[in-house]
C-alpha atoms as a PDB file:
ATOM      1  CA  MET A   1      35.595 -29.565 -12.141  1.00  0.00           C
ATOM      2  CA  PRO A   2      33.267 -28.560 -15.006  1.00  0.00           C
ATOM      3  CA  LEU A   3      30.443 -28.064 -12.494  1.00  0.00           C
ATOM      4  CA  LEU A   4      32.533 -25.608 -10.505  1.00  0.00           C
ATOM      5  CA  LYS A   5      33.240 -23.578 -13.646  1.00  0.00           C
ATOM      6  CA  LYS A   6      29.541 -23.476 -14.489  1.00  0.00           C
ATOM      7  CA  LEU A   7      28.638 -22.351 -10.964  1.00  0.00           C
ATOM      8  CA  THR A   8      31.301 -19.642 -11.083  1.00  0.00           C
ATOM      9  CA  ALA A   9      29.969 -18.368 -14.409  1.00  0.00           C
ATOM     10  CA  LEU A  10      26.411 -18.425 -13.096  1.00  0.00           C
ATOM     11  CA  ALA A  11      27.404 -16.503  -9.966  1.00  0.00           C
ATOM     12  CA  GLY A  12      29.165 -13.898 -12.103  1.00  0.00           C
ATOM     13  CA  ALA A  13      26.122 -13.521 -14.338  1.00  0.00           C
ATOM     14  CA  ALA A  14      23.827 -13.158 -11.325  1.00  0.00           C
ATOM     15  CA  ALA A  15      26.065 -10.466  -9.838  1.00  0.00           C
ATOM     16  CA  ALA A  16      26.110  -8.584 -13.139  1.00  0.00           C
ATOM     17  CA  ALA A  17      22.316  -8.819 -13.415  1.00  0.00           C
ATOM     18  CA  ARG A  18      21.888  -7.564  -9.845  1.00  0.00           C
ATOM     19  CA  LYS A  19      24.210  -4.622 -10.510  1.00  0.00           C
ATOM     20  CA  TYR A  20      22.345  -3.741 -13.732  1.00  0.00           C
ATOM     21  CA  ALA A  21      18.987  -3.935 -11.937  1.00  0.00           C
ATOM     22  CA  GLN A  22      20.154  -1.561  -9.235  1.00  0.00           C
ATOM     23  CA  LYS A  23      21.450   0.951 -11.797  1.00  0.00           C
ATOM     24  CA  ASN A  24      18.368   0.783 -14.070  1.00  0.00           C
ATOM     25  CA  PRO A  25      15.336   0.049 -11.838  1.00  0.00           C
ATOM     26  CA  GLU A  26      12.760   1.652 -14.156  1.00  0.00           C
ATOM     27  CA  LYS A  27      13.850  -0.392 -17.162  1.00  0.00           C
ATOM     28  CA  VAL A  28      14.013  -3.610 -15.131  1.00  0.00           C
ATOM     29  CA  ASN A  29      10.554  -3.011 -13.641  1.00  0.00           C
ATOM     30  CA  ARG A  30       9.077  -2.382 -17.071  1.00  0.00           C
ATOM     31  CA  LEU A  31      10.690  -5.472 -18.611  1.00  0.00           C
ATOM     32  CA  ALA A  32       9.778  -7.701 -15.658  1.00  0.00           C
ATOM     33  CA  THR A  33       6.145  -6.615 -15.904  1.00  0.00           C
ATOM     34  CA  LYS A  34       6.125  -7.202 -19.648  1.00  0.00           C
ATOM     35  CA  ALA A  35       7.734 -10.644 -19.286  1.00  0.00           C
ATOM     36  CA  GLY A  36       5.291 -11.579 -16.529  1.00  0.00           C
ATOM     37  CA  GLN A  37       2.324 -10.595 -18.669  1.00  0.00           C
ATOM     38  CA  PHE A  38       3.697 -12.605 -21.596  1.00  0.00           C
ATOM     39  CA  VAL A  39       4.231 -15.750 -19.535  1.00  0.00           C
ATOM     40  CA  ASP A  40       0.850 -15.334 -17.828  1.00  0.00           C
ATOM     41  CA  GLN A  41      -0.817 -15.062 -21.221  1.00  0.00           C
ATOM     42  CA  ARG A  42       1.018 -18.115 -22.584  1.00  0.00           C
ATOM     43  CA  THR A  43       0.033 -20.216 -19.542  1.00  0.00           C
ATOM     44  CA  LYS A  44      -3.540 -18.885 -19.763  1.00  0.00           C
ATOM     45  CA  GLY A  45      -3.407 -17.601 -16.178  1.00  0.00           C
ATOM     46  CA  LYS A  46      -2.726 -21.025 -14.677  1.00  0.00           C
ATOM     47  CA  TYR A  47       0.328 -19.781 -12.740  1.00  0.00           C
ATOM     48  CA  HIS A  48      -0.771 -16.174 -12.217  1.00  0.00           C
ATOM     49  CA  ARG A  49       0.020 -16.052  -8.481  1.00  0.00           C
ATOM     50  CA  GLN A  50       3.495 -17.534  -8.915  1.00  0.00           C
ATOM     51  CA  ILE A  51       4.302 -15.249 -11.845  1.00  0.00           C
ATOM     52  CA  ASP A  52       3.001 -12.199  -9.985  1.00  0.00           C
ATOM     53  CA  GLY A  53       5.117 -13.096  -6.957  1.00  0.00           C
ATOM     54  CA  ALA A  54       8.236 -13.500  -9.076  1.00  0.00           C
ATOM     55  CA  VAL A  55       7.653 -10.156 -10.806  1.00  0.00           C
ATOM     56  CA  ARG A  56       7.205  -8.457  -7.422  1.00  0.00           C
ATOM     57  CA  LYS A  57      10.475  -9.965  -6.161  1.00  0.00           C
ATOM     58  CA  VAL A  58      12.346  -8.721  -9.232  1.00  0.00           C
ATOM     59  CA  GLN A  59      10.849  -5.262  -8.810  1.00  0.00           C
ATOM     60  CA  SER A  60      11.694  -5.104  -5.117  1.00  0.00           C
ATOM     61  CA  ALA A  61      15.272  -6.192  -5.821  1.00  0.00           C
ATOM     62  CA  ALA A  62      15.593  -3.527  -8.510  1.00  0.00           C
ATOM     63  CA  THR A  63      14.311  -0.733  -6.291  1.00  0.00           C
ATOM     64  CA  ARG A  64      16.348  -1.716  -3.244  1.00  0.00           C
ATOM     65  CA  SER A  65      19.044   0.792  -2.450  1.00  0.00           C
ATOM     66  CA  THR A  66      22.573  -0.139  -3.372  1.00  0.00           C
ATOM     67  CA  PRO A  67      24.632  -1.584  -0.522  1.00  0.00           C
ATOM     68  CA  PRO A  68      27.426   0.586   0.852  1.00  0.00           C
ATOM     69  CA  ALA A  69      30.862   0.086  -0.687  1.00  0.00           C
ATOM     70  CA  ARG A  70      33.329  -1.932   1.378  1.00  0.00           C
END
């Protein structure tokens, strides 16, 4: 049962993050780029392609139009 509670909390947090990203795409894009640069610098470019791909996915999710209300 504790696992189910953790998964529920994680799903709620992910939904809240997705909603925030859709409402504030400029801020999310800026922070994702900054975080990607920080991690890339700390790993000395070893995972540059993976980090760049993750940043692009975050940015595309933030700029996607909001789904229609049900």
